[in-house]
């Protein structure tokens, strides 16, 4: 029997999201569920993630684990090159499951190709200069600008450091199964390759080799991660909106959106969850923000941000709803010591654990924000384990897919992302964009740098 390691508590929404309103949504969300299961809705050619946890061949996981162990034995730094879904999922998992500081991690996984910045790339290369290094470049096409130019620099650096043949043995390409510039280069140079499934989009790819390989290199048990996701398939299905967590969350956020709460804030109370929130922001924003609609995803780190944006959350414009994400059990426990002088007047906390204090901070914040007019619900995570994170990843993927269908958009494309790319290609003089470049030239004169 599946053990649920995540839960969704919406009890403080009862006066805003009533049972009768939820009941109205039961048929639409079950229709959305059916469209996913039948592969009959928009974007149905990108639904490979839906049953991936139970269909992934054990041989593929064994292959990923084996290569990861090889890299762990020969490198103390893995440079992971990718952008968007090609890095956020792995970053989220590593930060959630690993020790808090990179110097405590063996090997370290560092990321490149998610920004265009010379200082960042040079600092990274300087930092790894005296280390044994491997590289995982992730791109379906191999021509995406940000990771593409970063890989050019890193590839050159690797070949100068190790020689072309040895460098090739340390470079792993995760790319399209059959075609593309990176697939071609990998074949020519002899890179080890892993496949990006053709029916899984980038932001849904964390449980494919895109995320699994760097996560495995970091020392995470990816089989447990997949097991957690597989278990989540059970708690995120069915026509009972109390037991189907994904459907319940999708319905709730859509009801709130139609009531004028257009921004969802994912508020966590653990720094290890920060990049899970960053991954969620891409998943939600890129899936739903289309056709002049969509819930805007934002994230805050409490209690840190309670000392900055807390004022706005308490008394600002009432256009936001909040989903708290809290952790039942941390990996360590520290208690507050007692001092006889009590000069800071904190002896009333002596003997209490940081976790107890943090729970009170969460409870106090929840009640204050509810009283301040912020609709609030809570996702509760059992612990910082692979199984819990696997369940959370799948829960969000399923919920956002359902939510997108409720918003009547295609949750699996991203046409708006191409707008900046076309302009950038034209301004940089890429072949085939001459006409657009001429159209943009007069407008760029007003842009000062």
Protein backbone atom coordinates (compact mmCIF):
# COMPACT_ATOMS: atom_id res chain seq x y z
CA UNK A 1 0.00 0.00 0.00
CA UNK A 2 1.23 3.46 -0.91
CA UNK A 3 2.35 5.68 1.95
CA UNK A 4 1.58 9.31 1.24
CA UNK A 5 4.52 11.48 2.25
CA UNK A 6 2.87 14.72 1.19
CA UNK A 7 -0.51 16.16 2.12
CA UNK A 8 -2.57 19.22 1.21
CA UNK A 9 -4.46 21.10 3.94
CA UNK A 10 -6.98 23.66 2.66
CA UNK A 11 -9.04 23.94 5.84
CA UNK A 12 -8.40 27.69 6.12
CA UNK A 13 -9.95 28.22 2.69
CA UNK A 14 -13.40 26.95 3.62
CA UNK A 15 -15.03 30.39 3.73
CA UNK A 16 -13.50 31.41 0.39
CA UNK A 17 -13.50 28.13 -1.52
CA UNK A 18 -16.69 26.38 -0.48
CA UNK A 19 -17.51 22.70 -0.88
CA UNK A 20 -20.26 23.63 -3.31
CA UNK A 21 -17.80 25.52 -5.52
CA UNK A 22 -15.42 22.58 -5.46
CA UNK A 23 -18.28 20.27 -6.41
CA UNK A 24 -19.02 22.47 -9.45
CA UNK A 25 -15.46 21.87 -10.61
CA UNK A 26 -15.59 18.12 -10.15
CA UNK A 27 -16.82 17.40 -13.67
CA UNK A 28 -14.40 19.79 -15.43
CA UNK A 29 -11.37 18.50 -13.53
CA UNK A 30 -12.36 14.88 -14.12
CA UNK A 31 -12.72 15.72 -17.82
CA UNK A 32 -9.21 17.16 -17.66
CA UNK A 33 -8.00 13.99 -15.96
CA UNK A 34 -9.62 11.95 -18.70
CA UNK A 35 -7.97 14.05 -21.41
CA UNK A 36 -4.60 13.34 -19.82
CA UNK A 37 -5.20 9.62 -19.43
CA UNK A 38 -6.73 9.25 -22.92
CA UNK A 39 -4.08 11.46 -24.52
CA UNK A 40 -6.90 13.45 -26.13
CA UNK A 41 -6.22 17.00 -24.95
CA UNK A 42 -3.99 19.79 -26.28
CA UNK A 43 -0.32 18.89 -26.20
CA UNK A 44 -1.04 15.17 -25.95
CA UNK A 45 2.21 14.36 -27.74
CA UNK A 46 4.10 15.60 -24.64
CA UNK A 47 2.54 13.36 -22.02
CA UNK A 48 5.38 10.90 -21.59
CA UNK A 49 5.91 12.14 -18.02
CA UNK A 50 2.41 11.01 -16.99
CA UNK A 51 3.20 7.33 -16.46
CA UNK A 52 6.99 7.57 -16.71
CA UNK A 53 7.67 6.56 -13.07
CA UNK A 54 6.06 3.16 -13.65
CA UNK A 55 7.25 2.64 -17.21
CA UNK A 56 10.88 3.62 -16.91
CA UNK A 57 12.99 0.51 -17.61
CA UNK A 58 15.09 -0.59 -14.66
CA UNK A 59 17.93 -1.09 -17.14
CA UNK A 60 17.91 2.67 -17.86
CA UNK A 61 18.14 3.50 -14.18
CA UNK A 62 20.96 0.98 -13.79
CA UNK A 63 22.80 2.59 -16.72
CA UNK A 64 22.44 6.06 -15.21
CA UNK A 65 23.59 4.85 -11.78
CA UNK A 66 26.56 3.02 -13.27
CA UNK A 67 27.77 6.05 -15.23
CA UNK A 68 27.18 8.30 -12.24
CA UNK A 69 29.32 6.03 -10.07
CA UNK A 70 32.08 6.13 -12.68
CA UNK A 71 32.01 9.94 -12.70
CA UNK A 72 31.95 10.04 -8.89
CA UNK A 73 35.13 7.93 -8.86
CA UNK A 74 37.05 10.13 -11.31
CA UNK A 75 35.74 13.66 -10.74
CA UNK A 76 35.09 15.81 -7.70
CA UNK A 77 33.17 18.42 -9.71
CA UNK A 78 30.46 17.90 -12.32
CA UNK A 79 29.67 20.93 -14.47
CA UNK A 80 26.03 20.59 -15.50
CA UNK A 81 25.19 22.77 -18.51
CA UNK A 82 21.55 23.53 -19.30
CA UNK A 83 18.78 26.08 -18.94
CA UNK A 84 15.17 26.01 -17.78
CA UNK A 85 13.95 22.46 -17.30
CA UNK A 86 17.40 21.21 -18.25
CA UNK A 87 18.84 22.39 -14.94
CA UNK A 88 16.14 23.51 -12.49
CA UNK A 89 14.89 20.04 -11.59
CA UNK A 90 18.37 18.70 -10.87
CA UNK A 91 19.27 21.84 -8.93
CA UNK A 92 16.07 21.55 -6.89
CA UNK A 93 16.68 17.90 -6.01
CA UNK A 94 20.33 18.37 -5.12
CA UNK A 95 19.61 21.37 -2.89
CA UNK A 96 16.69 19.60 -1.19
CA UNK A 97 18.52 16.33 -0.51
CA UNK A 98 22.16 17.35 0.02
CA UNK A 99 24.05 19.10 2.84
CA UNK A 100 23.46 22.84 2.82
CA UNK A 101 26.93 23.95 1.72
CA UNK A 102 28.67 22.93 -1.49
CA UNK A 103 32.01 22.27 0.24
CA UNK A 104 30.26 19.44 2.11
CA UNK A 105 29.23 17.72 -1.12
CA UNK A 106 31.41 15.11 -2.84
CA UNK A 107 31.34 15.54 -5.73
CA UNK A 108 30.02 19.04 -6.17
CA UNK A 109 27.57 19.67 -8.99
CA UNK A 110 27.83 23.21 -10.35
CA UNK A 111 25.65 24.70 -13.05
CA UNK A 112 26.37 26.71 -16.17
CA UNK A 113 24.51 27.66 -19.33
CA UNK A 114 21.50 29.09 -17.50
CA UNK A 115 22.73 32.66 -17.84
CA UNK A 116 24.82 34.79 -20.20
CA UNK A 117 27.54 36.21 -18.00
CA UNK A 118 31.30 36.18 -18.46
CA UNK A 119 32.07 36.81 -14.80
CA UNK A 120 30.03 33.81 -13.65
CA UNK A 121 31.58 31.46 -16.21
CA UNK A 122 35.14 32.64 -15.58
CA UNK A 123 34.70 32.43 -11.82
CA UNK A 124 33.38 28.88 -12.18
CA UNK A 125 36.33 27.81 -14.36
CA UNK A 126 38.78 29.41 -11.93
CA UNK A 127 37.08 27.61 -9.05
CA UNK A 128 37.37 24.16 -10.69
CA UNK A 129 40.88 24.66 -12.06
CA UNK A 130 42.54 22.43 -9.46
CA UNK A 131 39.78 19.81 -9.43
CA UNK A 132 39.05 16.72 -11.46
CA UNK A 133 36.10 17.70 -13.62
CA UNK A 134 33.37 16.04 -15.68
CA UNK A 135 30.69 17.72 -17.76
CA UNK A 136 27.04 16.95 -18.44
CA UNK A 137 25.67 19.08 -21.28
CA UNK A 138 21.88 18.94 -21.61
CA UNK A 139 20.07 20.16 -24.70
CA UNK A 140 17.53 18.48 -26.94
CA UNK A 141 18.72 20.37 -30.02
CA UNK A 142 22.20 21.41 -29.05
CA UNK A 143 21.60 24.86 -30.52
CA UNK A 144 19.95 26.65 -27.57
CA UNK A 145 22.00 29.82 -27.18
CA UNK A 146 22.73 29.99 -23.44
CA UNK A 147 23.92 26.39 -22.87
CA UNK A 148 25.37 26.24 -26.38
CA UNK A 149 27.86 29.06 -25.91
CA UNK A 150 28.66 27.96 -22.36
CA UNK A 151 29.45 24.46 -23.60
CA UNK A 152 31.74 25.86 -26.28
CA UNK A 153 33.80 27.58 -23.60
CA UNK A 154 33.75 24.61 -21.21
CA UNK A 155 34.53 22.13 -23.98
CA UNK A 156 37.56 24.18 -25.03
CA UNK A 157 38.69 24.39 -21.39
CA UNK A 158 38.26 20.63 -20.92
CA UNK A 159 40.22 19.79 -24.07
CA UNK A 160 43.05 22.11 -23.01
CA UNK A 161 43.11 20.59 -19.53
CA UNK A 162 42.81 16.91 -20.44
CA UNK A 163 43.43 16.60 -24.15
CA UNK A 164 40.66 15.91 -26.63
CA UNK A 165 40.36 12.16 -26.07
CA UNK A 166 40.35 12.25 -22.26
CA UNK A 167 38.00 15.24 -22.28
CA UNK A 168 35.57 13.28 -24.42
CA UNK A 169 35.53 10.48 -21.82
CA UNK A 170 34.52 13.04 -19.20
CA UNK A 171 31.70 14.66 -21.20
CA UNK A 172 28.20 13.22 -21.07
CA UNK A 173 25.57 14.58 -23.46
CA UNK A 174 21.87 14.33 -22.65
CA UNK A 175 20.05 15.07 -25.87
CA UNK A 176 17.58 14.01 -28.55
CA UNK A 177 17.52 10.26 -29.22
CA UNK A 178 18.19 10.61 -32.94
CA UNK A 179 18.84 14.09 -34.28
CA UNK A 180 20.23 17.52 -33.52
CA UNK A 181 23.59 19.26 -33.34
CA UNK A 182 24.52 17.83 -29.94
CA UNK A 183 23.62 14.27 -30.96
CA UNK A 184 25.86 14.68 -34.03
CA UNK A 185 28.74 16.12 -32.02
CA UNK A 186 28.45 13.38 -29.39
CA UNK A 187 28.70 10.71 -32.07
CA UNK A 188 31.73 12.38 -33.64
CA UNK A 189 33.58 12.91 -30.36
CA UNK A 190 32.53 9.69 -28.62
CA UNK A 191 30.66 11.24 -25.71
CA UNK A 192 28.52 9.01 -23.54
CA UNK A 193 24.90 9.94 -24.20
CA UNK A 194 21.55 9.75 -22.46
CA UNK A 195 18.28 10.35 -24.24
CA UNK A 196 15.71 13.05 -23.62
CA UNK A 197 12.38 11.33 -24.32
CA UNK A 198 10.74 12.90 -27.36
CA UNK A 199 7.36 12.98 -25.59
CA UNK A 200 8.53 14.87 -22.48
CA UNK A 201 8.93 18.64 -22.46
CA UNK A 202 11.78 20.31 -20.62
CA UNK A 203 9.90 21.51 -17.55
CA UNK A 204 8.46 18.01 -17.02
CA UNK A 205 11.82 16.27 -17.49
CA UNK A 206 13.26 16.11 -13.97
CA UNK A 207 12.45 12.38 -13.69
CA UNK A 208 14.12 11.58 -17.02
CA UNK A 209 17.90 11.35 -17.60
CA UNK A 210 17.84 15.16 -17.86
CA UNK A 211 17.52 15.39 -14.10
CA UNK A 212 18.37 11.89 -12.97
CA UNK A 213 21.99 11.78 -14.13
CA UNK A 214 23.30 14.90 -12.33
CA UNK A 215 21.14 14.01 -9.34
CA UNK A 216 22.74 10.54 -9.25
CA UNK A 217 26.24 12.03 -9.54
CA UNK A 218 25.42 14.11 -6.46
CA UNK A 219 24.93 10.85 -4.56
CA UNK A 220 21.14 10.74 -4.49
CA UNK A 221 19.33 7.40 -4.75
CA UNK A 222 17.37 8.00 -7.96
CA UNK A 223 15.53 4.67 -7.65
CA UNK A 224 13.94 5.94 -4.44
CA UNK A 225 13.12 9.21 -6.19
CA UNK A 226 11.32 7.32 -8.95
CA UNK A 227 9.60 5.12 -6.35
CA UNK A 228 8.23 8.24 -4.69
CA UNK A 229 6.93 9.55 -8.01
CA UNK A 230 5.35 6.17 -8.73
CA UNK A 231 3.58 6.26 -5.37
CA UNK A 232 2.33 9.76 -6.15
CA UNK A 233 0.55 8.44 -9.23
CA UNK A 234 -1.85 6.73 -6.81
CA UNK A 235 -2.49 9.70 -4.54
CA UNK A 236 -2.88 12.01 -7.56
CA UNK A 237 -5.58 10.09 -9.42
CA UNK A 238 -9.22 9.11 -9.07
CA UNK A 239 -12.50 10.99 -9.00
CA UNK A 240 -12.51 11.74 -5.26
CA UNK A 241 -11.36 15.33 -4.83
CA UNK A 242 -10.40 14.71 -1.22
CA UNK A 243 -8.02 11.87 -1.99
CA UNK A 244 -6.81 13.09 -5.40
CA UNK A 245 -4.38 15.74 -4.12
CA UNK A 246 -3.41 17.03 -7.55
CA UNK A 247 -7.00 17.57 -8.65
CA UNK A 248 -7.91 19.22 -5.33
CA UNK A 249 -5.01 21.67 -5.59
CA UNK A 250 -5.74 22.39 -9.27
CA UNK A 251 -9.40 23.11 -8.56
CA UNK A 252 -8.65 25.29 -5.54
CA UNK A 253 -6.16 27.50 -7.34
CA UNK A 254 -8.53 27.92 -10.32
CA UNK A 255 -11.42 28.93 -8.09
CA UNK A 256 -9.22 31.51 -6.38
CA UNK A 257 -7.96 32.79 -9.73
CA UNK A 258 -11.49 33.38 -10.94
CA UNK A 259 -12.22 35.27 -7.73
CA UNK A 260 -9.47 37.75 -8.62
CA UNK A 261 -6.51 36.21 -6.81
CA UNK A 262 -4.20 36.23 -9.79
CA UNK A 263 -0.85 35.52 -8.10
CA UNK A 264 0.07 32.39 -6.18
CA UNK A 265 2.89 32.67 -3.66
CA UNK A 266 4.63 29.41 -2.75
CA UNK A 267 6.04 30.15 0.69
CA UNK A 268 8.52 27.73 2.23
CA UNK A 269 10.06 27.67 5.70
CA UNK A 270 13.24 25.74 4.84
CA UNK A 271 16.13 27.08 2.71
CA UNK A 272 16.53 23.63 1.14
CA UNK A 273 13.16 24.12 -0.58
CA UNK A 274 14.18 27.35 -2.35
CA UNK A 275 15.04 25.70 -5.66
CA UNK A 276 12.00 23.44 -5.53
CA UNK A 277 10.08 26.71 -5.62
CA UNK A 278 12.20 27.94 -8.53
CA UNK A 279 11.46 24.72 -10.42
CA UNK A 280 7.74 25.11 -9.63
CA UNK A 281 7.78 28.69 -10.93
CA UNK A 282 8.91 27.52 -14.34
CA UNK A 283 6.53 24.57 -14.35
CA UNK A 284 3.51 26.73 -13.50
CA UNK A 285 4.42 29.89 -15.38
CA UNK A 286 5.46 28.29 -18.65
CA UNK A 287 2.52 25.87 -18.58
CA UNK A 288 -0.27 28.32 -17.77
CA UNK A 289 0.74 31.80 -18.90
CA UNK A 290 -0.92 31.87 -22.32
CA UNK A 291 -3.82 33.51 -24.15
CA UNK A 292 -3.73 36.50 -21.78
CA UNK A 293 -4.54 34.29 -18.79
CA UNK A 294 -2.76 32.23 -16.18
CA UNK A 295 -1.89 32.36 -12.49
CA UNK A 296 1.36 34.22 -11.88
CA UNK A 297 3.72 32.03 -9.79
CA UNK A 298 5.89 33.70 -7.17
CA UNK A 299 7.89 32.29 -4.28
CA UNK A 300 9.11 33.51 -0.91
CA UNK A 301 11.53 32.05 1.64
CA UNK A 302 10.24 32.39 5.20
CA UNK A 303 11.08 33.50 7.76
CA UNK A 304 13.77 35.42 5.83
CA UNK A 305 11.33 37.20 3.54
CA UNK A 306 8.96 38.00 6.40
CA UNK A 307 11.54 40.65 7.28
CA UNK A 308 11.37 42.15 3.79
CA UNK A 309 8.21 41.31 1.84
CA UNK A 310 6.24 40.28 4.89
CA UNK A 311 4.74 43.75 5.17
CA UNK A 312 3.40 43.55 1.61
CA UNK A 313 2.03 40.07 2.16
CA UNK A 314 0.23 41.22 5.31
CA UNK A 315 -1.22 44.50 4.09
CA UNK A 316 -0.58 44.90 0.37
CA UNK A 317 -2.95 44.48 -2.56
CA UNK A 318 -5.26 41.51 -1.99
CA UNK A 319 -4.56 39.87 -5.35
CA UNK A 320 -2.50 36.98 -3.98
CA UNK A 321 -3.18 33.59 -2.49
CA UNK A 322 -0.58 31.62 -0.63
CA UNK A 323 0.44 27.98 -0.60
CA UNK A 324 2.72 27.28 2.33
CA UNK A 325 5.10 24.37 2.00
CA UNK A 326 6.33 23.03 5.33
CA UNK A 327 8.52 20.17 6.46
CA UNK A 328 7.63 17.84 9.34
CA UNK A 329 11.10 16.50 10.00
CA UNK A 330 14.56 17.91 9.34
CA UNK A 331 17.74 15.81 9.20
CA UNK A 332 19.22 17.42 12.33
CA UNK A 333 17.90 19.04 15.48
CA UNK A 334 19.49 21.94 17.34
CA UNK A 335 18.06 23.38 20.56
CA UNK A 336 18.45 26.88 21.91
CA UNK A 337 20.95 27.06 24.81
CA UNK A 338 20.25 28.86 28.07
CA UNK A 339 22.37 31.74 29.40
CA UNK A 340 22.05 32.92 33.00
CA UNK A 341 22.35 36.62 32.13
CA UNK A 342 19.52 36.40 29.55
CA UNK A 343 20.74 39.70 28.11
CA UNK A 344 18.85 39.09 24.86
CA UNK A 345 15.69 38.05 26.74
CA UNK A 346 15.48 34.81 24.80
CA UNK A 347 15.66 32.36 27.69
CA UNK A 348 11.97 31.66 27.18
CA UNK A 349 13.10 29.75 24.09
CA UNK A 350 15.83 27.79 25.88
CA UNK A 351 15.48 24.06 25.36
CA UNK A 352 13.19 24.50 22.37
CA UNK A 353 14.35 23.13 19.01
CA UNK A 354 14.69 25.29 15.95
CA UNK A 355 11.99 23.11 14.40
CA UNK A 356 9.52 23.90 17.20
CA UNK A 357 10.23 27.60 16.81
CA UNK A 358 9.90 27.35 13.03
CA UNK A 359 6.54 25.57 13.38
CA UNK A 360 5.30 28.42 15.52
CA UNK A 361 6.58 30.89 12.94
CA UNK A 362 4.60 29.04 10.27
CA UNK A 363 1.43 28.85 12.38
CA UNK A 364 1.69 32.50 13.36
CA UNK A 365 2.27 33.58 9.76
CA UNK A 366 -0.59 31.47 8.42
CA UNK A 367 -3.04 32.91 10.95
CA UNK A 368 -1.82 36.47 10.43
CA UNK A 369 -2.09 36.23 6.65
CA UNK A 370 -5.53 34.62 6.82
CA UNK A 371 -6.65 37.45 9.11
CA UNK A 372 -5.10 39.90 6.62
CA UNK A 373 -7.22 38.55 3.77
CA UNK A 374 -4.76 36.22 2.06
CA UNK A 375 -6.37 32.88 1.10
CA UNK A 376 -3.94 30.27 2.41
CA UNK A 377 -3.42 26.52 2.21
CA UNK A 378 -0.50 24.26 3.13
CA UNK A 379 1.46 21.47 1.53
CA UNK A 380 3.05 19.31 4.22
CA UNK A 381 6.16 17.21 3.45
CA UNK A 382 7.13 14.35 5.75
CA UNK A 383 10.89 14.73 5.43
CA UNK A 384 13.84 15.50 3.16
CA UNK A 385 13.94 12.07 1.55
CA UNK A 386 14.06 10.97 -2.05
CA UNK A 387 10.62 9.38 -1.78
CA UNK A 388 9.05 12.58 -0.48
CA UNK A 389 10.63 14.70 -3.19
CA UNK A 390 9.59 12.21 -5.89
CA UNK A 391 6.00 12.48 -4.68
CA UNK A 392 6.20 16.27 -4.63
CA UNK A 393 7.64 16.48 -8.15
CA UNK A 394 4.90 14.29 -9.57
CA UNK A 395 2.16 16.03 -7.57
CA UNK A 396 3.10 19.41 -9.01
CA UNK A 397 3.44 18.07 -12.56
CA UNK A 398 0.02 16.44 -12.48
CA UNK A 399 -1.66 19.37 -10.73
CA UNK A 400 -0.29 21.99 -13.12
CA UNK A 401 -1.29 19.89 -16.13
CA UNK A 402 -4.86 19.66 -14.79
CA UNK A 403 -4.87 23.33 -13.88
CA UNK A 404 -3.77 24.28 -17.39
CA UNK A 405 -6.65 22.36 -18.92
CA UNK A 406 -9.05 24.06 -16.48
CA UNK A 407 -7.68 27.39 -17.75
CA UNK A 408 -8.30 26.14 -21.29
CA UNK A 409 -4.71 26.48 -22.41
CA UNK A 410 -2.23 23.93 -23.72
CA UNK A 411 -0.02 23.26 -20.68
CA UNK A 412 2.68 21.60 -22.75
CA UNK A 413 3.81 24.25 -25.24
CA UNK A 414 5.59 27.57 -24.77
CA UNK A 415 5.11 29.71 -27.89
CA UNK A 416 5.77 32.95 -26.03
CA UNK A 417 9.33 31.89 -25.20
CA UNK A 418 10.24 32.18 -28.87
CA UNK A 419 9.56 35.95 -29.03
CA UNK A 420 12.74 37.06 -27.27
CA UNK A 421 14.77 34.41 -29.07
CA UNK A 422 13.76 35.66 -32.52
CA UNK A 423 14.63 39.23 -31.61
CA UNK A 424 17.96 38.16 -30.12
CA UNK A 425 18.83 36.05 -33.16
CA UNK A 426 18.04 38.99 -35.45
CA UNK A 427 20.08 41.47 -33.43
CA UNK A 428 23.05 39.08 -33.34
CA UNK A 429 22.95 38.62 -37.11
CA UNK A 430 21.84 34.99 -37.31
CA UNK A 431 21.25 33.82 -40.86
CA UNK A 432 17.61 34.00 -41.93
CA UNK A 433 16.67 36.87 -39.60
CA UNK A 434 17.79 39.80 -41.79
CA UNK A 435 14.31 41.22 -42.32
CA UNK A 436 13.51 41.22 -38.63
CA UNK A 437 16.86 42.76 -37.85
CA UNK A 438 16.08 45.68 -40.13
CA UNK A 439 12.68 46.09 -38.49
CA UNK A 440 14.22 46.15 -35.03
CA UNK A 441 17.18 48.41 -35.78
CA UNK A 442 15.26 51.70 -35.53
CA UNK A 443 13.70 50.65 -32.23
CA UNK A 444 16.98 49.59 -30.63
CA UNK A 445 18.39 53.11 -31.08
CA UNK A 446 16.28 54.12 -28.08
CA UNK A 447 17.82 51.40 -25.92
CA UNK A 448 20.78 52.73 -23.98
CA UNK A 449 23.48 50.54 -22.45
